[in-house]
Amino acid sequence: MKRAVAVGFLLLAAAAFCWSLPVRFGFAVGSTLGMATGADWDAVKSSVQSYYESYGYSVSIRDGVGIAWNMGAFVETPVVGPLSLRLGLFYDEPSAVMRITNNLDSDDWARWIERYRLLEVPAVLRLRLGTQFSILGGGFGAWRFGDLREIIDGPSDDRSTSNVPDTGYADLLYGVTAGIEFKENTAGEAVFIDIQYIHVISPITDSDPPATNDFYLRGLMISIGVSTTAGK
């Protein structure tokens, strides 16, 4: 909570400092498509496969994509010409997902999802390439908080969700992001769609050996929002 308050004051200070400029404020909500990579993640999949085989099941396991949601706000100020700087604060729920399929019955399958809760602070440069289209690029820091959410679902309506202790997982993460924005101006405000690829550079795990801590998260954030411009 202290980190969230500090970030909030930082954004307010940035807004106050830039108030004499044509500052753009925005709010967005959308979906995050998340997946995981790395040797530690492969080890998790191997352990799950061994678990099923110990009970006599032959299964295949492949990576899946988890769908969750995100929401947040940003303040943006011009830098030079068509280039502007955007500072934001977003809540995001990336996921690590595997699909487990019975090799003897393709209709017998399940998805195992491990979902994380992140408070992200992106610092992004936006380059306008026209009145409606821009490209985005920058970096972000993130604070992972709370227990993990473990979700099991399959082809039926059965779905179970439980909380898992966060032992062995990192609290602070960082990474890079790149994407595009489409914007339509309407009566002093703008409706926009952001599509950004999120590449987390630091591992989500923070475990002791023999773990190698190369369990990484990747994601695609698709958000729709409204923004307005204030100041001179």
C-alpha atoms as a PDB file:
ATOM      1  CA  MET A   1       0.000   0.000   0.000  1.00  0.00           C
ATOM      2  CA  LYS A   2       2.868   2.390   0.797  1.00  0.00           C
ATOM      3  CA  ARG A   3       4.244   1.857  -2.697  1.00  0.00           C
ATOM      4  CA  ALA A   4       0.844   2.612  -4.233  1.00  0.00           C
ATOM      5  CA  VAL A   5       0.558   5.843  -2.240  1.00  0.00           C
ATOM      6  CA  ALA A   6       4.084   6.883  -3.245  1.00  0.00           C
ATOM      7  CA  VAL A   7       3.325   6.256  -6.902  1.00  0.00           C
ATOM      8  CA  GLY A   8       0.094   8.227  -6.603  1.00  0.00           C
ATOM      9  CA  PHE A   9       1.930  11.234  -5.183  1.00  0.00           C
ATOM     10  CA  LEU A  10       4.504  10.935  -7.969  1.00  0.00           C
ATOM     11  CA  LEU A  11       1.791  11.100 -10.609  1.00  0.00           C
ATOM     12  CA  LEU A  12       0.137  14.064  -8.899  1.00  0.00           C
ATOM     13  CA  ALA A  13       3.478  15.878  -8.728  1.00  0.00           C
ATOM     14  CA  ALA A  14       4.078  15.202 -12.404  1.00  0.00           C
ATOM     15  CA  ALA A  15       0.621  16.522 -13.254  1.00  0.00           C
ATOM     16  CA  ALA A  16       1.151  19.685 -11.195  1.00  0.00           C
ATOM     17  CA  PHE A  17       4.570  20.314 -12.730  1.00  0.00           C
ATOM     18  CA  CYS A  18       3.233  19.941 -16.253  1.00  0.00           C
ATOM     19  CA  TRP A  19      -0.065  21.799 -15.733  1.00  0.00           C
ATOM     20  CA  SER A  20       1.092  24.740 -17.859  1.00  0.00           C
ATOM     21  CA  LEU A  21       1.528  22.326 -20.778  1.00  0.00           C
ATOM     22  CA  PRO A  22      -1.232  20.638 -22.793  1.00  0.00           C
ATOM     23  CA  VAL A  23      -1.311  17.601 -20.509  1.00  0.00           C
ATOM     24  CA  ARG A  24      -3.342  14.570 -21.528  1.00  0.00           C
ATOM     25  CA  PHE A  25      -5.099  12.465 -18.883  1.00  0.00           C
ATOM     26  CA  GLY A  26      -6.577   9.074 -19.602  1.00  0.00           C
ATOM     27  CA  PHE A  27      -8.300   6.054 -18.075  1.00  0.00           C
ATOM     28  CA  ALA A  28      -8.415   2.594 -19.651  1.00  0.00           C
ATOM     29  CA  VAL A  29      -9.731  -0.903 -18.960  1.00  0.00           C
ATOM     30  CA  GLY A  30      -9.163  -4.074 -20.921  1.00  0.00           C
ATOM     31  CA  SER A  31      -7.905  -7.656 -21.104  1.00  0.00           C
ATOM     32  CA  THR A  32      -4.473  -9.194 -20.638  1.00  0.00           C
ATOM     33  CA  LEU A  33      -3.454 -12.303 -22.580  1.00  0.00           C
ATOM     34  CA  GLY A  34      -0.676 -13.901 -20.530  1.00  0.00           C
ATOM     35  CA  MET A  35       1.728 -16.840 -20.792  1.00  0.00           C
ATOM     36  CA  ALA A  36       5.001 -18.040 -19.218  1.00  0.00           C
ATOM     37  CA  THR A  37       8.435 -19.168 -20.457  1.00  0.00           C
ATOM     38  CA  GLY A  38      11.698 -20.433 -18.979  1.00  0.00           C
ATOM     39  CA  ALA A  39      13.365 -23.567 -17.603  1.00  0.00           C
ATOM     40  CA  ASP A  40      11.641 -23.305 -14.219  1.00  0.00           C
ATOM     41  CA  TRP A  41       8.274 -23.127 -15.959  1.00  0.00           C
ATOM     42  CA  ASP A  42       9.231 -26.196 -18.036  1.00  0.00           C
ATOM     43  CA  ALA A  43      10.115 -27.946 -14.764  1.00  0.00           C
ATOM     44  CA  VAL A  44       6.630 -27.180 -13.413  1.00  0.00           C
ATOM     45  CA  LYS A  45       5.062 -28.724 -16.509  1.00  0.00           C
ATOM     46  CA  SER A  46       7.298 -31.797 -16.215  1.00  0.00           C
ATOM     47  CA  SER A  47       6.331 -32.289 -12.571  1.00  0.00           C
ATOM     48  CA  VAL A  48       2.636 -32.106 -13.466  1.00  0.00           C
ATOM     49  CA  GLN A  49       3.137 -34.661 -16.232  1.00  0.00           C
ATOM     50  CA  SER A  50       4.993 -36.983 -13.824  1.00  0.00           C
ATOM     51  CA  TYR A  51       2.168 -36.623 -11.323  1.00  0.00           C
ATOM     52  CA  TYR A  52      -0.410 -37.867 -13.826  1.00  0.00           C
ATOM     53  CA  GLU A  53       1.870 -40.662 -15.057  1.00  0.00           C
ATOM     54  CA  SER A  54       2.293 -41.875 -11.466  1.00  0.00           C
ATOM     55  CA  TYR A  55      -1.453 -42.654 -11.532  1.00  0.00           C
ATOM     56  CA  GLY A  56      -1.223 -44.450 -14.878  1.00  0.00           C
ATOM     57  CA  TYR A  57      -2.388 -41.606 -17.136  1.00  0.00           C
ATOM     58  CA  SER A  58      -0.620 -40.719 -20.359  1.00  0.00           C
ATOM     59  CA  VAL A  59      -0.957 -36.968 -20.875  1.00  0.00           C
ATOM     60  CA  SER A  60       0.519 -34.284 -23.069  1.00  0.00           C
ATOM     61  CA  ILE A  61       1.127 -30.789 -21.759  1.00  0.00           C
ATOM     62  CA  ARG A  62       1.511 -27.627 -23.776  1.00  0.00           C
ATOM     63  CA  ASP A  63       1.588 -23.926 -23.012  1.00  0.00           C
ATOM     64  CA  GLY A  64      -1.680 -22.053 -22.905  1.00  0.00           C
ATOM     65  CA  VAL A  65      -2.838 -18.448 -22.793  1.00  0.00           C
ATOM     66  CA  GLY A  66      -4.606 -16.990 -19.793  1.00  0.00           C
ATOM     67  CA  ILE A  67      -7.170 -14.212 -20.162  1.00  0.00           C
ATOM     68  CA  ALA A  68      -7.605 -11.752 -17.312  1.00  0.00           C
ATOM     69  CA  TRP A  69      -8.228  -8.019 -16.987  1.00  0.00           C
ATOM     70  CA  ASN A  70      -6.382  -4.773 -16.426  1.00  0.00           C
ATOM     71  CA  MET A  71      -7.314  -1.210 -15.590  1.00  0.00           C
ATOM     72  CA  GLY A  72      -5.478   2.025 -14.879  1.00  0.00           C
ATOM     73  CA  ALA A  73      -4.831   5.683 -15.566  1.00  0.00           C
ATOM     74  CA  PHE A  74      -2.054   7.832 -16.991  1.00  0.00           C
ATOM     75  CA  VAL A  75      -0.865  11.400 -17.413  1.00  0.00           C
ATOM     76  CA  GLU A  76       0.998  12.428 -20.568  1.00  0.00           C
ATOM     77  CA  THR A  77       2.974  15.555 -21.400  1.00  0.00           C
ATOM     78  CA  PRO A  78       4.727  16.720 -24.594  1.00  0.00           C
ATOM     79  CA  VAL A  79       8.506  16.277 -24.879  1.00  0.00           C
ATOM     80  CA  VAL A  80       9.357  17.590 -28.332  1.00  0.00           C
ATOM     81  CA  GLY A  81       7.369  17.705 -31.570  1.00  0.00           C
ATOM     82  CA  PRO A  82       5.233  14.559 -31.962  1.00  0.00           C
ATOM     83  CA  LEU A  83       6.956  12.847 -29.013  1.00  0.00           C
ATOM     84  CA  SER A  84       5.341  12.765 -25.565  1.00  0.00           C
ATOM     85  CA  LEU A  85       6.027  11.073 -22.219  1.00  0.00           C
ATOM     86  CA  ARG A  86       3.345   9.013 -20.492  1.00  0.00           C
ATOM     87  CA  LEU A  87       3.415   7.987 -16.807  1.00  0.00           C
ATOM     88  CA  GLY A  88       0.815   5.537 -15.599  1.00  0.00           C
ATOM     89  CA  LEU A  89      -0.476   3.354 -12.810  1.00  0.00           C
ATOM     90  CA  PHE A  90      -2.160   0.057 -13.775  1.00  0.00           C
ATOM     91  CA  TYR A  91      -3.576  -3.004 -12.063  1.00  0.00           C
ATOM     92  CA  ASP A  92      -2.866  -6.131 -14.117  1.00  0.00           C
ATOM     93  CA  GLU A  93      -3.372  -9.904 -13.776  1.00  0.00           C
ATOM     94  CA  PRO A  94      -0.917 -11.835 -15.984  1.00  0.00           C
ATOM     95  CA  SER A  95      -1.051 -15.643 -15.943  1.00  0.00           C
ATOM     96  CA  ALA A  96       1.046 -18.768 -16.442  1.00  0.00           C
ATOM     97  CA  VAL A  97      -1.064 -21.442 -18.165  1.00  0.00           C
ATOM     98  CA  MET A  98      -0.703 -25.057 -19.235  1.00  0.00           C
ATOM     99  CA  ARG A  99      -3.195 -27.289 -21.046  1.00  0.00           C
ATOM    100  CA  ILE A 100      -3.217 -30.938 -19.936  1.00  0.00           C
ATOM    101  CA  THR A 101      -4.729 -33.446 -22.409  1.00  0.00           C
ATOM    102  CA  ASN A 102      -5.362 -37.180 -21.965  1.00  0.00           C
ATOM    103  CA  ASN A 103      -3.535 -38.871 -24.865  1.00  0.00           C
ATOM    104  CA  LEU A 104      -6.207 -41.595 -25.021  1.00  0.00           C
ATOM    105  CA  ASP A 105      -9.152 -39.193 -25.036  1.00  0.00           C
ATOM    106  CA  SER A 106      -8.709 -35.732 -26.548  1.00  0.00           C
ATOM    107  CA  ASP A 107     -12.018 -34.616 -25.017  1.00  0.00           C
ATOM    108  CA  ASP A 108     -10.568 -35.189 -21.546  1.00  0.00           C
ATOM    109  CA  TRP A 109      -8.488 -32.097 -20.845  1.00  0.00           C
ATOM    110  CA  ALA A 110      -7.986 -29.372 -18.283  1.00  0.00           C
ATOM    111  CA  ARG A 111      -6.299 -25.987 -18.047  1.00  0.00           C
ATOM    112  CA  TRP A 112      -4.136 -25.135 -15.046  1.00  0.00           C
ATOM    113  CA  ILE A 113      -3.773 -21.390 -14.543  1.00  0.00           C
ATOM    114  CA  GLU A 114      -1.561 -19.581 -12.057  1.00  0.00           C
ATOM    115  CA  ARG A 115      -2.611 -15.935 -11.921  1.00  0.00           C
ATOM    116  CA  TYR A 116      -0.668 -13.069 -10.356  1.00  0.00           C
ATOM    117  CA  ARG A 117      -1.705  -9.610  -9.228  1.00  0.00           C
ATOM    118  CA  LEU A 118       0.540  -6.735 -10.246  1.00  0.00           C
ATOM    119  CA  LEU A 119       0.532  -3.000  -9.675  1.00  0.00           C
ATOM    120  CA  GLU A 120       2.462  -1.628 -12.656  1.00  0.00           C
ATOM    121  CA  VAL A 121       4.069   1.779 -13.118  1.00  0.00           C
ATOM    122  CA  PRO A 122       4.883   2.270 -16.824  1.00  0.00           C
ATOM    123  CA  ALA A 123       6.953   5.114 -18.265  1.00  0.00           C
ATOM    124  CA  VAL A 124       6.262   5.163 -21.999  1.00  0.00           C
ATOM    125  CA  LEU A 125       7.180   7.383 -24.930  1.00  0.00           C
ATOM    126  CA  ARG A 126       4.413   7.936 -27.490  1.00  0.00           C
ATOM    127  CA  LEU A 127       5.309   8.966 -31.033  1.00  0.00           C
ATOM    128  CA  ARG A 128       2.389  10.379 -33.034  1.00  0.00           C
ATOM    129  CA  LEU A 129       2.374   9.314 -36.676  1.00  0.00           C
ATOM    130  CA  GLY A 130      -0.851  11.127 -37.486  1.00  0.00           C
ATOM    131  CA  THR A 131      -3.959  12.397 -35.772  1.00  0.00           C
ATOM    132  CA  GLN A 132      -5.239   8.902 -35.019  1.00  0.00           C
ATOM    133  CA  PHE A 133      -2.232   6.572 -34.871  1.00  0.00           C
ATOM    134  CA  SER A 134       0.795   6.382 -32.523  1.00  0.00           C
ATOM    135  CA  ILE A 135       3.498   3.920 -31.556  1.00  0.00           C
ATOM    136  CA  LEU A 136       4.447   3.320 -27.911  1.00  0.00           C
ATOM    137  CA  GLY A 137       7.604   2.086 -26.229  1.00  0.00           C
ATOM    138  CA  GLY A 138       9.200   2.180 -22.806  1.00  0.00           C
ATOM    139  CA  GLY A 139       9.673   0.329 -19.543  1.00  0.00           C
ATOM    140  CA  PHE A 140       7.831  -0.399 -16.310  1.00  0.00           C
ATOM    141  CA  GLY A 141       8.304  -1.457 -12.731  1.00  0.00           C
ATOM    142  CA  ALA A 142       5.749  -3.648 -10.969  1.00  0.00           C
ATOM    143  CA  TRP A 143       4.877  -4.733  -7.453  1.00  0.00           C
ATOM    144  CA  ARG A 144       3.423  -8.232  -7.139  1.00  0.00           C
ATOM    145  CA  PHE A 145       1.164  -8.527  -4.101  1.00  0.00           C
ATOM    146  CA  GLY A 146      -1.159 -10.986  -2.409  1.00  0.00           C
ATOM    147  CA  ASP A 147      -1.476 -14.745  -2.752  1.00  0.00           C
ATOM    148  CA  LEU A 148      -1.468 -16.438  -6.148  1.00  0.00           C
ATOM    149  CA  ARG A 149      -4.722 -17.596  -7.692  1.00  0.00           C
ATOM    150  CA  GLU A 150      -4.735 -21.169  -8.937  1.00  0.00           C
ATOM    151  CA  ILE A 151      -7.556 -21.927 -11.374  1.00  0.00           C
ATOM    152  CA  ILE A 152      -8.467 -25.317 -12.851  1.00  0.00           C
ATOM    153  CA  ASP A 153     -11.028 -25.501 -15.644  1.00  0.00           C
ATOM    154  CA  GLY A 154     -11.922 -27.808 -18.518  1.00  0.00           C
ATOM    155  CA  PRO A 155     -14.544 -28.526 -21.193  1.00  0.00           C
ATOM    156  CA  SER A 156     -17.361 -28.777 -18.646  1.00  0.00           C
ATOM    157  CA  ASP A 157     -18.778 -26.011 -16.494  1.00  0.00           C
ATOM    158  CA  ASP A 158     -16.692 -27.164 -13.530  1.00  0.00           C
ATOM    159  CA  ARG A 159     -14.154 -24.584 -12.420  1.00  0.00           C
ATOM    160  CA  SER A 160     -12.230 -24.383  -9.183  1.00  0.00           C
ATOM    161  CA  THR A 161     -10.281 -21.415  -7.837  1.00  0.00           C
ATOM    162  CA  SER A 162      -8.038 -21.387  -4.790  1.00  0.00           C
ATOM    163  CA  ASN A 163      -5.426 -19.119  -3.231  1.00  0.00           C
ATOM    164  CA  VAL A 164      -1.821 -20.342  -3.041  1.00  0.00           C
ATOM    165  CA  PRO A 165       0.849 -18.840  -0.736  1.00  0.00           C
ATOM    166  CA  ASP A 166       3.356 -16.682  -2.578  1.00  0.00           C
ATOM    167  CA  THR A 167       6.447 -18.349  -1.076  1.00  0.00           C
ATOM    168  CA  GLY A 168       9.284 -18.385  -3.619  1.00  0.00           C
ATOM    169  CA  TYR A 169       7.881 -15.573  -5.778  1.00  0.00           C
ATOM    170  CA  ALA A 170       9.413 -12.149  -6.325  1.00  0.00           C
ATOM    171  CA  ASP A 171       7.691  -9.031  -5.011  1.00  0.00           C
ATOM    172  CA  LEU A 172       9.250  -6.525  -7.440  1.00  0.00           C
ATOM    173  CA  LEU A 173       9.463  -6.957 -11.210  1.00  0.00           C
ATOM    174  CA  TYR A 174      10.530  -4.851 -14.177  1.00  0.00           C
ATOM    175  CA  GLY A 175      10.338  -5.095 -17.935  1.00  0.00           C
ATOM    176  CA  VAL A 176       9.762  -3.380 -21.258  1.00  0.00           C
ATOM    177  CA  THR A 177       6.684  -2.680 -23.332  1.00  0.00           C
ATOM    178  CA  ALA A 178       5.935  -1.722 -26.921  1.00  0.00           C
ATOM    179  CA  GLY A 179       2.730  -1.244 -28.843  1.00  0.00           C
ATOM    180  CA  ILE A 180       0.383   0.929 -30.853  1.00  0.00           C
ATOM    181  CA  GLU A 181      -2.498   3.281 -30.151  1.00  0.00           C
ATOM    182  CA  PHE A 182      -5.534   4.190 -32.234  1.00  0.00           C
ATOM    183  CA  LYS A 183      -7.355   7.368 -31.167  1.00  0.00           C
ATOM    184  CA  GLU A 184     -10.577   9.042 -32.283  1.00  0.00           C
ATOM    185  CA  ASN A 185     -11.289  12.607 -31.095  1.00  0.00           C
ATOM    186  CA  THR A 186     -14.897  13.425 -30.172  1.00  0.00           C
ATOM    187  CA  ALA A 187     -16.095  16.719 -28.650  1.00  0.00           C
ATOM    188  CA  GLY A 188     -12.924  17.604 -26.756  1.00  0.00           C
ATOM    189  CA  GLU A 189     -12.305  14.056 -25.561  1.00  0.00           C
ATOM    190  CA  ALA A 190     -10.754  11.050 -27.255  1.00  0.00           C
ATOM    191  CA  VAL A 191     -11.623   7.372 -27.320  1.00  0.00           C
ATOM    192  CA  PHE A 192      -8.535   5.228 -27.786  1.00  0.00           C
ATOM    193  CA  ILE A 193      -7.461   1.600 -28.097  1.00  0.00           C
ATOM    194  CA  ASP A 194      -4.016   0.534 -26.878  1.00  0.00           C
ATOM    195  CA  ILE A 195      -2.381  -2.766 -27.838  1.00  0.00           C
ATOM    196  CA  GLN A 196       0.867  -3.351 -25.954  1.00  0.00           C
ATOM    197  CA  TYR A 197       3.243  -6.302 -25.667  1.00  0.00           C
ATOM    198  CA  ILE A 198       4.546  -6.687 -22.102  1.00  0.00           C
ATOM    199  CA  HIS A 199       7.932  -8.399 -21.736  1.00  0.00           C
ATOM    200  CA  VAL A 200       8.940  -8.971 -18.103  1.00  0.00           C
ATOM    201  CA  ILE A 201      12.743  -9.080 -17.857  1.00  0.00           C
ATOM    202  CA  SER A 202      13.018 -10.075 -14.187  1.00  0.00           C
ATOM    203  CA  PRO A 203      11.822 -13.561 -13.143  1.00  0.00           C
ATOM    204  CA  ILE A 204       8.562 -14.009 -11.275  1.00  0.00           C
ATOM    205  CA  THR A 205      10.289 -16.632  -9.081  1.00  0.00           C
ATOM    206  CA  ASP A 206      12.705 -15.938  -6.232  1.00  0.00           C
ATOM    207  CA  SER A 207      13.535 -19.450  -5.045  1.00  0.00           C
ATOM    208  CA  ASP A 208      16.598 -21.122  -3.597  1.00  0.00           C
ATOM    209  CA  PRO A 209      18.738 -23.573  -5.652  1.00  0.00           C
ATOM    210  CA  PRO A 210      18.320 -25.866  -7.518  1.00  0.00           C
ATOM    211  CA  ALA A 211      15.744 -23.496  -9.020  1.00  0.00           C
ATOM    212  CA  THR A 212      17.378 -21.270 -11.644  1.00  0.00           C
ATOM    213  CA  ASN A 213      14.816 -18.451 -11.327  1.00  0.00           C
ATOM    214  CA  ASP A 214      14.203 -18.103 -15.042  1.00  0.00           C
ATOM    215  CA  PHE A 215      10.401 -18.286 -14.892  1.00  0.00           C
ATOM    216  CA  TYR A 216       9.309 -15.271 -16.954  1.00  0.00           C
ATOM    217  CA  LEU A 217       5.957 -13.707 -17.785  1.00  0.00           C
ATOM    218  CA  ARG A 218       4.863 -12.359 -21.153  1.00  0.00           C
ATOM    219  CA  GLY A 219       1.616 -10.649 -22.001  1.00  0.00           C
ATOM    220  CA  LEU A 220      -0.480  -8.732 -24.489  1.00  0.00           C
ATOM    221  CA  MET A 221      -2.533  -5.897 -23.000  1.00  0.00           C
ATOM    222  CA  ILE A 222      -5.534  -4.742 -25.049  1.00  0.00           C
ATOM    223  CA  SER A 223      -7.215  -1.731 -23.480  1.00  0.00           C
ATOM    224  CA  ILE A 224      -9.908   0.741 -24.443  1.00  0.00           C
ATOM    225  CA  GLY A 225     -10.209   4.088 -22.737  1.00  0.00           C
ATOM    226  CA  VAL A 226     -11.078   7.753 -22.734  1.00  0.00           C
ATOM    227  CA  SER A 227      -8.674  10.681 -22.480  1.00  0.00           C
ATOM    228  CA  THR A 228      -8.891  14.455 -22.333  1.00  0.00           C
ATOM    229  CA  THR A 229      -6.388  17.306 -22.630  1.00  0.00           C
ATOM    230  CA  ALA A 230      -6.013  20.081 -20.046  1.00  0.00           C
ATOM    231  CA  GLY A 231      -3.671  23.002 -19.531  1.00  0.00           C
ATOM    232  CA  LYS A 232      -2.450  25.642 -21.946  1.00  0.00           C
END
